[in-house]
PDB file of N, CA and C in Angstrom:
ATOM      1  N   MET A   1       0.850  -1.165   0.000  1.00  0.00           N
ATOM      2  CA  MET A   1       0.000   0.000   0.000  1.00  0.00           C
ATOM      3  C   MET A   1       0.896   1.228   0.000  1.00  0.00           C
ATOM      4  N   SER A   2       0.726   2.051  -0.977  1.00  0.00           N
ATOM      5  CA  SER A   2       1.645   3.166  -1.118  1.00  0.00           C
ATOM      6  C   SER A   2       1.328   4.318  -0.172  1.00  0.00           C
ATOM      7  N   ASN A   3       0.120   4.392   0.336  1.00  0.00           N
ATOM      8  CA  ASN A   3      -0.211   5.525   1.192  1.00  0.00           C
ATOM      9  C   ASN A   3       0.010   5.235   2.673  1.00  0.00           C
ATOM     10  N   ILE A   4       0.572   4.080   3.020  1.00  0.00           N
ATOM     11  CA  ILE A   4       0.947   3.781   4.400  1.00  0.00           C
ATOM     12  C   ILE A   4       2.437   4.063   4.525  1.00  0.00           C
ATOM     13  N   ARG A   5       2.800   4.879   5.525  1.00  0.00           N
ATOM     14  CA  ARG A   5       4.182   5.348   5.620  1.00  0.00           C
ATOM     15  C   ARG A   5       5.165   4.228   5.934  1.00  0.00           C
ATOM     16  N   THR A   6       4.839   3.367   6.888  1.00  0.00           N
ATOM     17  CA  THR A   6       5.769   2.304   7.249  1.00  0.00           C
ATOM     18  C   THR A   6       5.233   0.994   6.713  1.00  0.00           C
ATOM     19  N   ASP A   7       5.652   0.664   5.516  1.00  0.00           N
ATOM     20  CA  ASP A   7       5.178  -0.562   4.885  1.00  0.00           C
ATOM     21  C   ASP A   7       5.856  -1.761   5.544  1.00  0.00           C
ATOM     22  N   GLN A   8       5.302  -2.909   5.306  1.00  0.00           N
ATOM     23  CA  GLN A   8       5.799  -4.147   5.904  1.00  0.00           C
ATOM     24  C   GLN A   8       7.203  -4.463   5.378  1.00  0.00           C
ATOM     25  N   VAL A   9       8.028  -5.022   6.251  1.00  0.00           N
ATOM     26  CA  VAL A   9       9.388  -5.414   5.859  1.00  0.00           C
ATOM     27  C   VAL A   9       9.293  -6.665   4.993  1.00  0.00           C
ATOM     28  N   ASP A  10       9.991  -6.637   3.875  1.00  0.00           N
ATOM     29  CA  ASP A  10      10.004  -7.784   2.974  1.00  0.00           C
ATOM     30  C   ASP A  10      11.012  -8.799   3.503  1.00  0.00           C
ATOM     31  N   LEU A  11      10.519  -9.881   4.068  1.00  0.00           N
ATOM     32  CA  LEU A  11      11.403 -10.885   4.674  1.00  0.00           C
ATOM     33  C   LEU A  11      12.224 -11.652   3.645  1.00  0.00           C
ATOM     34  N   ARG A  12      11.823 -11.600   2.386  1.00  0.00           N
ATOM     35  CA  ARG A  12      12.572 -12.328   1.359  1.00  0.00           C
ATOM     36  C   ARG A  12      13.955 -11.726   1.145  1.00  0.00           C
ATOM     37  N   ARG A  13      14.114 -10.455   1.479  1.00  0.00           N
ATOM     38  CA  ARG A  13      15.387  -9.768   1.251  1.00  0.00           C
ATOM     39  C   ARG A  13      16.354  -9.919   2.434  1.00  0.00           C
ATOM     40  N   LEU A  14      15.895 -10.496   3.544  1.00  0.00           N
ATOM     41  CA  LEU A  14      16.732 -10.623   4.738  1.00  0.00           C
ATOM     42  C   LEU A  14      17.431 -11.978   4.764  1.00  0.00           C
ATOM     43  N   SER A  15      18.568 -12.010   5.456  1.00  0.00           N
ATOM     44  CA  SER A  15      19.251 -13.290   5.642  1.00  0.00           C
ATOM     45  C   SER A  15      18.460 -14.116   6.650  1.00  0.00           C
ATOM     46  N   ASP A  16      18.795 -15.388   6.735  1.00  0.00           N
ATOM     47  CA  ASP A  16      18.062 -16.267   7.652  1.00  0.00           C
ATOM     48  C   ASP A  16      18.221 -15.819   9.101  1.00  0.00           C
ATOM     49  N   GLN A  17      19.423 -15.381   9.461  1.00  0.00           N
ATOM     50  CA  GLN A  17      19.664 -14.920  10.834  1.00  0.00           C
ATOM     51  C   GLN A  17      18.862 -13.640  11.126  1.00  0.00           C
ATOM     52  N   ASP A  18      18.879 -12.695  10.197  1.00  0.00           N
ATOM     53  CA  ASP A  18      18.128 -11.453  10.383  1.00  0.00           C
ATOM     54  C   ASP A  18      16.624 -11.724  10.430  1.00  0.00           C
ATOM     55  N   LYS A  19      16.193 -12.641   9.593  1.00  0.00           N
ATOM     56  CA  LYS A  19      14.771 -12.992   9.563  1.00  0.00           C
ATOM     57  C   LYS A  19      14.341 -13.602  10.892  1.00  0.00           C
ATOM     58  N   SER A  20      15.164 -14.495  11.437  1.00  0.00           N
ATOM     59  CA  SER A  20      14.865 -15.135  12.709  1.00  0.00           C
ATOM     60  C   SER A  20      14.850 -14.107  13.835  1.00  0.00           C
ATOM     61  N   ASP A  21      15.853 -13.226  13.857  1.00  0.00           N
ATOM     62  CA  ASP A  21      15.915 -12.193  14.893  1.00  0.00           C
ATOM     63  C   ASP A  21      14.718 -11.247  14.798  1.00  0.00           C
ATOM     64  N   PHE A  22      14.353 -10.905  13.603  1.00  0.00           N
ATOM     65  CA  PHE A  22      13.244  -9.960  13.405  1.00  0.00           C
ATOM     66  C   PHE A  22      11.922 -10.563  13.861  1.00  0.00           C
ATOM     67  N   GLN A  23      11.683 -11.829  13.547  1.00  0.00           N
ATOM     68  CA  GLN A  23      10.423 -12.470  13.914  1.00  0.00           C
ATOM     69  C   GLN A  23      10.339 -12.742  15.417  1.00  0.00           C
ATOM     70  N   ARG A  24      11.483 -13.035  16.070  1.00  0.00           N
ATOM     71  CA  ARG A  24      11.472 -13.318  17.494  1.00  0.00           C
ATOM     72  C   ARG A  24      11.480 -12.046  18.336  1.00  0.00           C
ATOM     73  N   GLY A  25      11.825 -10.924  17.746  1.00  0.00           N
ATOM     74  CA  GLY A  25      11.975  -9.696  18.499  1.00  0.00           C
ATOM     75  C   GLY A  25      10.667  -9.083  18.965  1.00  0.00           C
ATOM     76  N   GLY A  26       9.570  -9.459  18.400  1.00  0.00           N
ATOM     77  CA  GLY A  26       8.286  -8.898  18.803  1.00  0.00           C
ATOM     78  C   GLY A  26       7.857  -7.734  17.936  1.00  0.00           C
ATOM     79  N   GLY A  27       8.811  -7.095  17.298  1.00  0.00           N
ATOM     80  CA  GLY A  27       8.469  -5.974  16.432  1.00  0.00           C
ATOM     81  C   GLY A  27       7.717  -6.402  15.186  1.00  0.00           C
ATOM     82  N   TYR A  28       8.008  -7.617  14.749  1.00  0.00           N
ATOM     83  CA  TYR A  28       7.359  -8.120  13.539  1.00  0.00           C
ATOM     84  C   TYR A  28       5.858  -8.273  13.742  1.00  0.00           C
ATOM     85  N   GLY A  29       5.485  -8.901  14.861  1.00  0.00           N
ATOM     86  CA  GLY A  29       4.053  -9.093  15.119  1.00  0.00           C
ATOM     87  C   GLY A  29       3.325  -7.783  15.305  1.00  0.00           C
ATOM     88  N   GLU A  30       3.978  -6.829  15.979  1.00  0.00           N
ATOM     89  CA  GLU A  30       3.358  -5.515  16.158  1.00  0.00           C
ATOM     90  C   GLU A  30       3.203  -4.807  14.824  1.00  0.00           C
ATOM     91  N   GLN A  31       4.206  -4.953  13.975  1.00  0.00           N
ATOM     92  CA  GLN A  31       4.157  -4.296  12.677  1.00  0.00           C
ATOM     93  C   GLN A  31       3.046  -4.892  11.799  1.00  0.00           C
ATOM     94  N   VAL A  32       2.933  -6.201  11.815  1.00  0.00           N
ATOM     95  CA  VAL A  32       1.899  -6.861  11.013  1.00  0.00           C
ATOM     96  C   VAL A  32       0.512  -6.486  11.534  1.00  0.00           C
ATOM     97  N   ALA A  33       0.354  -6.467  12.848  1.00  0.00           N
ATOM     98  CA  ALA A  33      -0.947  -6.099  13.426  1.00  0.00           C
ATOM     99  C   ALA A  33      -1.309  -4.660  13.092  1.00  0.00           C
ATOM    100  N   ALA A  34      -0.324  -3.749  13.146  1.00  0.00           N
ATOM    101  CA  ALA A  34      -0.584  -2.349  12.820  1.00  0.00           C
ATOM    102  C   ALA A  34      -0.958  -2.196  11.350  1.00  0.00           C
ATOM    103  N   LEU A  35      -0.284  -2.941  10.494  1.00  0.00           N
ATOM    104  CA  LEU A  35      -0.593  -2.861   9.066  1.00  0.00           C
ATOM    105  C   LEU A  35      -2.001  -3.389   8.789  1.00  0.00           C
ATOM    106  N   LYS A  36      -2.373  -4.480   9.445  1.00  0.00           N
ATOM    107  CA  LYS A  36      -3.724  -5.024   9.253  1.00  0.00           C
ATOM    108  C   LYS A  36      -4.783  -4.055   9.770  1.00  0.00           C
ATOM    109  N   ARG A  37      -4.483  -3.414  10.909  1.00  0.00           N
ATOM    110  CA  ARG A  37      -5.418  -2.434  11.461  1.00  0.00           C
ATOM    111  C   ARG A  37      -5.604  -1.256  10.499  1.00  0.00           C
ATOM    112  N   ALA A  38      -4.489  -0.796   9.922  1.00  0.00           N
ATOM    113  CA  ALA A  38      -4.543   0.335   8.999  1.00  0.00           C
ATOM    114  C   ALA A  38      -5.328  -0.021   7.740  1.00  0.00           C
ATOM    115  N   ARG A  39      -5.093  -1.204   7.232  1.00  0.00           N
ATOM    116  CA  ARG A  39      -5.818  -1.629   6.029  1.00  0.00           C
ATOM    117  C   ARG A  39      -7.312  -1.793   6.300  1.00  0.00           C
ATOM    118  N   ALA A  40      -7.644  -2.344   7.457  1.00  0.00           N
ATOM    119  CA  ALA A  40      -9.056  -2.502   7.809  1.00  0.00           C
ATOM    120  C   ALA A  40      -9.727  -1.149   7.958  1.00  0.00           C
ATOM    121  N   TYR A  41      -9.023  -0.199   8.574  1.00  0.00           N
ATOM    122  CA  TYR A  41      -9.572   1.139   8.753  1.00  0.00           C
ATOM    123  C   TYR A  41      -9.782   1.815   7.404  1.00  0.00           C
ATOM    124  N   GLN A  42      -8.801   1.693   6.507  1.00  0.00           N
ATOM    125  CA  GLN A  42      -8.933   2.291   5.182  1.00  0.00           C
ATOM    126  C   GLN A  42     -10.079   1.652   4.401  1.00  0.00           C
ATOM    127  N   GLY A  43     -10.213   0.344   4.509  1.00  0.00           N
ATOM    128  CA  GLY A  43     -11.306  -0.328   3.815  1.00  0.00           C
ATOM    129  C   GLY A  43     -12.662   0.084   4.352  1.00  0.00           C
ATOM    130  N   ASN A  44     -12.757   0.226   5.661  1.00  0.00           N
ATOM    131  CA  ASN A  44     -14.013   0.649   6.269  1.00  0.00           C
ATOM    132  C   ASN A  44     -14.368   2.075   5.848  1.00  0.00           C
ATOM    133  N   MET A  45     -13.379   2.950   5.825  1.00  0.00           N
ATOM    134  CA  MET A  45     -13.624   4.334   5.406  1.00  0.00           C
ATOM    135  C   MET A  45     -14.051   4.388   3.936  1.00  0.00           C
ATOM    136  N   ALA A  46     -13.403   3.594   3.073  1.00  0.00           N
ATOM    137  CA  ALA A  46     -13.767   3.571   1.660  1.00  0.00           C
ATOM    138  C   ALA A  46     -15.180   3.021   1.471  1.00  0.00           C
ATOM    139  N   TYR A  47     -15.517   1.989   2.245  1.00  0.00           N
ATOM    140  CA  TYR A  47     -16.860   1.416   2.158  1.00  0.00           C
ATOM    141  C   TYR A  47     -17.914   2.440   2.580  1.00  0.00           C
ATOM    142  N   ASN A  48     -17.664   3.125   3.680  1.00  0.00           N
ATOM    143  CA  ASN A  48     -18.629   4.117   4.151  1.00  0.00           C
ATOM    144  C   ASN A  48     -18.754   5.293   3.196  1.00  0.00           C
ATOM    145  N   ALA A  49     -17.664   5.628   2.503  1.00  0.00           N
ATOM    146  CA  ALA A  49     -17.716   6.737   1.549  1.00  0.00           C
ATOM    147  C   ALA A  49     -18.564   6.384   0.325  1.00  0.00           C
ATOM    148  N   LYS A  50     -18.570   5.123  -0.071  1.00  0.00           N
ATOM    149  CA  LYS A  50     -19.306   4.711  -1.267  1.00  0.00           C
ATOM    150  C   LYS A  50     -20.716   4.224  -0.971  1.00  0.00           C
ATOM    151  N   ARG A  51     -21.026   4.029   0.291  1.00  0.00           N
ATOM    152  CA  ARG A  51     -22.329   3.472   0.664  1.00  0.00           C
ATOM    153  C   ARG A  51     -23.440   4.481   0.396  1.00  0.00           C
ATOM    154  N   GLN A  52     -24.578   3.981  -0.032  1.00  0.00           N
ATOM    155  CA  GLN A  52     -25.729   4.851  -0.278  1.00  0.00           C
ATOM    156  C   GLN A  52     -26.295   5.344   1.040  1.00  0.00           C
ATOM    157  N   GLU A  53     -26.725   6.593   1.049  1.00  0.00           N
ATOM    158  CA  GLU A  53     -27.344   7.132   2.240  1.00  0.00           C
ATOM    159  C   GLU A  53     -28.791   6.667   2.309  1.00  0.00           C
ATOM    160  N   ARG A  54     -29.298   6.587   3.524  1.00  0.00           N
ATOM    161  CA  ARG A  54     -30.690   6.185   3.696  1.00  0.00           C
ATOM    162  C   ARG A  54     -31.606   7.294   3.225  1.00  0.00           C
ATOM    163  N   THR A  55     -32.681   6.917   2.582  1.00  0.00           N
ATOM    164  CA  THR A  55     -33.622   7.909   2.079  1.00  0.00           C
ATOM    165  C   THR A  55     -34.843   8.054   2.978  1.00  0.00           C
ATOM    166  N   THR A  56     -35.021   7.122   3.904  1.00  0.00           N
ATOM    167  CA  THR A  56     -36.124   7.231   4.842  1.00  0.00           C
ATOM    168  C   THR A  56     -35.565   7.257   6.251  1.00  0.00           C
ATOM    169  N   THR A  57     -36.255   7.966   7.128  1.00  0.00           N
ATOM    170  CA  THR A  57     -35.803   8.019   8.507  1.00  0.00           C
ATOM    171  C   THR A  57     -36.336   6.818   9.259  1.00  0.00           C
ATOM    172  N   GLN A  58     -35.596   6.399  10.245  1.00  0.00           N
ATOM    173  CA  GLN A  58     -36.019   5.274  11.051  1.00  0.00           C
ATOM    174  C   GLN A  58     -36.265   5.753  12.476  1.00  0.00           C
ATOM    175  N   THR A  59     -37.311   5.225  13.073  1.00  0.00           N
ATOM    176  CA  THR A  59     -37.615   5.558  14.452  1.00  0.00           C
ATOM    177  C   THR A  59     -37.493   4.284  15.281  1.00  0.00           C
ATOM    178  N   PRO A  60     -37.122   4.406  16.539  1.00  0.00           N
ATOM    179  CA  PRO A  60     -36.972   3.209  17.364  1.00  0.00           C
ATOM    180  C   PRO A  60     -38.319   2.593  17.703  1.00  0.00           C
ATOM    181  N   GLY A  61     -38.294   1.300  17.935  1.00  0.00           N
ATOM    182  CA  GLY A  61     -39.515   0.600  18.351  1.00  0.00           C
ATOM    183  C   GLY A  61     -40.540   0.515  17.236  1.00  0.00           C
ATOM    184  N   THR A  62     -41.782   0.705  17.591  1.00  0.00           N
ATOM    185  CA  THR A  62     -42.862   0.603  16.613  1.00  0.00           C
ATOM    186  C   THR A  62     -43.044   1.900  15.871  1.00  0.00           C
ATOM    187  N   GLY A  63     -42.450   2.983  16.339  1.00  0.00           N
ATOM    188  CA  GLY A  63     -42.589   4.261  15.666  1.00  0.00           C
ATOM    189  C   GLY A  63     -43.928   4.913  15.917  1.00  0.00           C
ATOM    190  N   GLY A  64     -44.684   4.385  16.852  1.00  0.00           N
ATOM    191  CA  GLY A  64     -45.975   4.973  17.160  1.00  0.00           C
ATOM    192  C   GLY A  64     -47.050   4.651  16.148  1.00  0.00           C
ATOM    193  N   MET A  65     -46.795   3.696  15.267  1.00  0.00           N
ATOM    194  CA  MET A  65     -47.758   3.395  14.210  1.00  0.00           C
ATOM    195  C   MET A  65     -48.758   2.330  14.632  1.00  0.00           C
ATOM    196  N   SER A  66     -48.495   1.597  15.690  1.00  0.00           N
ATOM    197  CA  SER A  66     -49.411   0.539  16.098  1.00  0.00           C
ATOM    198  C   SER A  66     -49.465   0.494  17.624  1.00  0.00           C
ATOM    199  N   PRO A  67     -50.496  -0.121  18.184  1.00  0.00           N
ATOM    200  CA  PRO A  67     -50.570  -0.234  19.643  1.00  0.00           C
ATOM    201  C   PRO A  67     -49.404  -1.025  20.219  1.00  0.00           C
ATOM    202  N   GLY A  68     -48.915  -1.990  19.460  1.00  0.00           N
ATOM    203  CA  GLY A  68     -47.687  -2.690  19.784  1.00  0.00           C
ATOM    204  C   GLY A  68     -47.661  -3.383  21.134  1.00  0.00           C
ATOM    205  N   ILE A  69     -46.702  -3.012  21.952  1.00  0.00           N
ATOM    206  CA  ILE A  69     -46.428  -3.734  23.188  1.00  0.00           C
ATOM    207  C   ILE A  69     -47.546  -3.562  24.200  1.00  0.00           C
ATOM    208  N   GLY A  70     -48.242  -2.437  24.170  1.00  0.00           N
ATOM    209  CA  GLY A  70     -49.359  -2.225  25.094  1.00  0.00           C
ATOM    210  C   GLY A  70     -50.474  -3.233  24.873  1.00  0.00           C
ATOM    211  N   MET A  71     -50.755  -3.514  23.604  1.00  0.00           N
ATOM    212  CA  MET A  71     -51.790  -4.494  23.270  1.00  0.00           C
ATOM    213  C   MET A  71     -51.361  -5.887  23.729  1.00  0.00           C
ATOM    214  N   GLN A  72     -50.105  -6.220  23.543  1.00  0.00           N
ATOM    215  CA  GLN A  72     -49.606  -7.530  23.968  1.00  0.00           C
ATOM    216  C   GLN A  72     -49.669  -7.664  25.490  1.00  0.00           C
ATOM    217  N   GLN A  73     -49.309  -6.618  26.208  1.00  0.00           N
ATOM    218  CA  GLN A  73     -49.369  -6.674  27.667  1.00  0.00           C
ATOM    219  C   GLN A  73     -50.805  -6.865  28.152  1.00  0.00           C
ATOM    220  N   GLU A  74     -51.743  -6.164  27.532  1.00  0.00           N
ATOM    221  CA  GLU A  74     -53.153  -6.311  27.926  1.00  0.00           C
ATOM    222  C   GLU A  74     -53.650  -7.728  27.646  1.00  0.00           C
ATOM    223  N   ARG A  75     -53.240  -8.289  26.505  1.00  0.00           N
ATOM    224  CA  ARG A  75     -53.665  -9.647  26.151  1.00  0.00           C
ATOM    225  C   ARG A  75     -53.117 -10.653  27.168  1.00  0.00           C
ATOM    226  N   TYR A  76     -51.853 -10.524  27.541  1.00  0.00           N
ATOM    227  CA  TYR A  76     -51.295 -11.441  28.534  1.00  0.00           C
ATOM    228  C   TYR A  76     -51.917 -11.241  29.918  1.00  0.00           C
ATOM    229  N   ARG A  77     -52.289 -10.015  30.225  1.00  0.00           N
ATOM    230  CA  ARG A  77     -52.953  -9.754  31.496  1.00  0.00           C
ATOM    231  C   ARG A  77     -54.303 -10.478  31.544  1.00  0.00           C
ATOM    232  N   GLU A  78     -55.050 -10.423  30.442  1.00  0.00           N
ATOM    233  CA  GLU A  78     -56.342 -11.120  30.370  1.00  0.00           C
ATOM    234  C   GLU A  78     -56.163 -12.638  30.450  1.00  0.00           C
ATOM    235  N   ILE A  79     -55.161 -13.154  29.783  1.00  0.00           N
ATOM    236  CA  ILE A  79     -54.909 -14.602  29.829  1.00  0.00           C
ATOM    237  C   ILE A  79     -54.572 -15.021  31.251  1.00  0.00           C
ATOM    238  N   GLY A  80     -53.765 -14.224  31.956  1.00  0.00           N
ATOM    239  CA  GLY A  80     -53.423 -14.532  33.339  1.00  0.00           C
ATOM    240  C   GLY A  80     -54.640 -14.519  34.238  1.00  0.00           C
ATOM    241  N   GLN A  81     -55.554 -13.563  34.029  1.00  0.00           N
ATOM    242  CA  GLN A  81     -56.774 -13.509  34.839  1.00  0.00           C
ATOM    243  C   GLN A  81     -57.667 -14.720  34.569  1.00  0.00           C
ATOM    244  N   GLU A  82     -57.744 -15.132  33.309  1.00  0.00           N
ATOM    245  CA  GLU A  82     -58.536 -16.315  32.968  1.00  0.00           C
ATOM    246  C   GLU A  82     -57.946 -17.566  33.609  1.00  0.00           C
ATOM    247  N   ASN A  83     -56.626 -17.668  33.623  1.00  0.00           N
ATOM    248  CA  ASN A  83     -55.982 -18.835  34.250  1.00  0.00           C
ATOM    249  C   ASN A  83     -56.227 -18.857  35.750  1.00  0.00           C
ATOM    250  N   GLU A  84     -56.172 -17.699  36.404  1.00  0.00           N
ATOM    251  CA  GLU A  84     -56.434 -17.637  37.829  1.00  0.00           C
ATOM    252  C   GLU A  84     -57.880 -18.030  38.137  1.00  0.00           C
ATOM    253  N   ALA A  85     -58.812 -17.592  37.300  1.00  0.00           N
ATOM    254  CA  ALA A  85     -60.217 -17.960  37.497  1.00  0.00           C
ATOM    255  C   ALA A  85     -60.417 -19.457  37.296  1.00  0.00           C
ATOM    256  N   ALA A  86     -59.727 -20.027  36.311  1.00  0.00           N
ATOM    257  CA  ALA A  86     -59.848 -21.458  36.047  1.00  0.00           C
ATOM    258  C   ALA A  86     -59.270 -22.267  37.215  1.00  0.00           C
ATOM    259  N   LYS A  87     -58.203 -21.781  37.827  1.00  0.00           N
ATOM    260  CA  LYS A  87     -57.636 -22.474  38.981  1.00  0.00           C
ATOM    261  C   LYS A  87     -58.590 -22.424  40.170  1.00  0.00           C
ATOM    262  N   GLY A  88     -59.318 -21.335  40.307  1.00  0.00           N
ATOM    263  CA  GLY A  88     -60.275 -21.194  41.406  1.00  0.00           C
ATOM    264  C   GLY A  88     -61.456 -22.139  41.267  1.00  0.00           C
ATOM    265  N   ASN A  89     -61.787 -22.539  40.063  1.00  0.00           N
ATOM    266  CA  ASN A  89     -62.934 -23.419  39.826  1.00  0.00           C
ATOM    267  C   ASN A  89     -62.581 -24.904  39.932  1.00  0.00           C
ATOM    268  N   ARG A  90     -61.335 -25.225  40.070  1.00  0.00           N
ATOM    269  CA  ARG A  90     -60.942 -26.628  40.155  1.00  0.00           C
ATOM    270  C   ARG A  90     -61.267 -27.180  41.541  1.00  0.00           C
ATOM    271  N   PRO A  91     -61.601 -28.458  41.630  1.00  0.00           N
ATOM    272  CA  PRO A  91     -61.897 -29.044  42.947  1.00  0.00           C
ATOM    273  C   PRO A  91     -60.616 -29.234  43.756  1.00  0.00           C
ATOM    274  N   ASP A  92     -60.741 -29.225  45.052  1.00  0.00           N
ATOM    275  CA  ASP A  92     -59.609 -29.445  45.946  1.00  0.00           C
ATOM    276  C   ASP A  92     -59.321 -30.942  45.974  1.00  0.00           C
ATOM    277  N   LEU A  93     -58.163 -31.333  45.488  1.00  0.00           N
ATOM    278  CA  LEU A  93     -57.854 -32.752  45.343  1.00  0.00           C
ATOM    279  C   LEU A  93     -57.426 -33.396  46.661  1.00  0.00           C
ATOM    280  N   ASP A  94     -57.251 -32.596  47.714  1.00  0.00           N
ATOM    281  CA  ASP A  94     -56.878 -33.159  49.007  1.00  0.00           C
ATOM    282  C   ASP A  94     -58.080 -33.794  49.713  1.00  0.00           C
ATOM    283  N   ASN A  95     -59.251 -33.538  49.233  1.00  0.00           N
ATOM    284  CA  ASN A  95     -60.468 -34.064  49.847  1.00  0.00           C
ATOM    285  C   ASN A  95     -60.601 -35.560  49.516  1.00  0.00           C
ATOM    286  N   ASP A  96     -60.992 -36.398  50.493  1.00  0.00           N
ATOM    287  CA  ASP A  96     -61.136 -37.837  50.283  1.00  0.00           C
ATOM    288  C   ASP A  96     -62.287 -38.172  49.371  1.00  0.00           C
ATOM    289  N   LEU A  97     -63.218 -37.241  49.156  1.00  0.00           N
ATOM    290  CA  LEU A  97     -64.379 -37.463  48.299  1.00  0.00           C
ATOM    291  C   LEU A  97     -63.944 -37.781  46.866  1.00  0.00           C
ATOM    292  N   TYR A  98     -62.807 -37.179  46.436  1.00  0.00           N
ATOM    293  CA  TYR A  98     -62.366 -37.351  45.065  1.00  0.00           C
ATOM    294  C   TYR A  98     -61.359 -38.492  44.910  1.00  0.00           C
ATOM    295  N   ASP A  99     -61.059 -39.205  45.962  1.00  0.00           N
ATOM    296  CA  ASP A  99     -60.103 -40.289  45.879  1.00  0.00           C
ATOM    297  C   ASP A  99     -60.819 -41.526  45.317  1.00  0.00           C
ATOM    298  N   ILE A 100     -60.481 -41.920  44.124  1.00  0.00           N
ATOM    299  CA  ILE A 100     -61.181 -43.046  43.472  1.00  0.00           C
ATOM    300  C   ILE A 100     -60.636 -44.401  43.894  1.00  0.00           C
ATOM    301  N   TYR A 101     -59.502 -44.414  44.610  1.00  0.00           N
ATOM    302  CA  TYR A 101     -58.902 -45.676  44.988  1.00  0.00           C
ATOM    303  C   TYR A 101     -59.201 -46.090  46.425  1.00  0.00           C
ATOM    304  N   SER A 102     -60.041 -45.364  47.143  1.00  0.00           N
ATOM    305  CA  SER A 102     -60.294 -45.732  48.542  1.00  0.00           C
ATOM    306  C   SER A 102     -61.453 -46.664  48.688  1.00  0.00           C
TER     307      SER A 102
END
């Protein structure tokens, strides 16, 4: 990449001893990581520059267009009340009257 000031060291041009010292020194990994970070940043910036802008605005949630979560909460509240009423109508099973095996 010509627009990055400190380009990666070409290991093909180094002797085996220099190559070994360079890779073990820790500078090589930092240099490679920095170069990858720079390339990713440049790619992200180029992508964002070419991306189409949104033509419609977005609002969070339902946008106020529907009853949404309020309707769901009311429906679950009614279901819970119906379940509680159904539990109240059930017979008490602790009573010996309902024991079919006695």
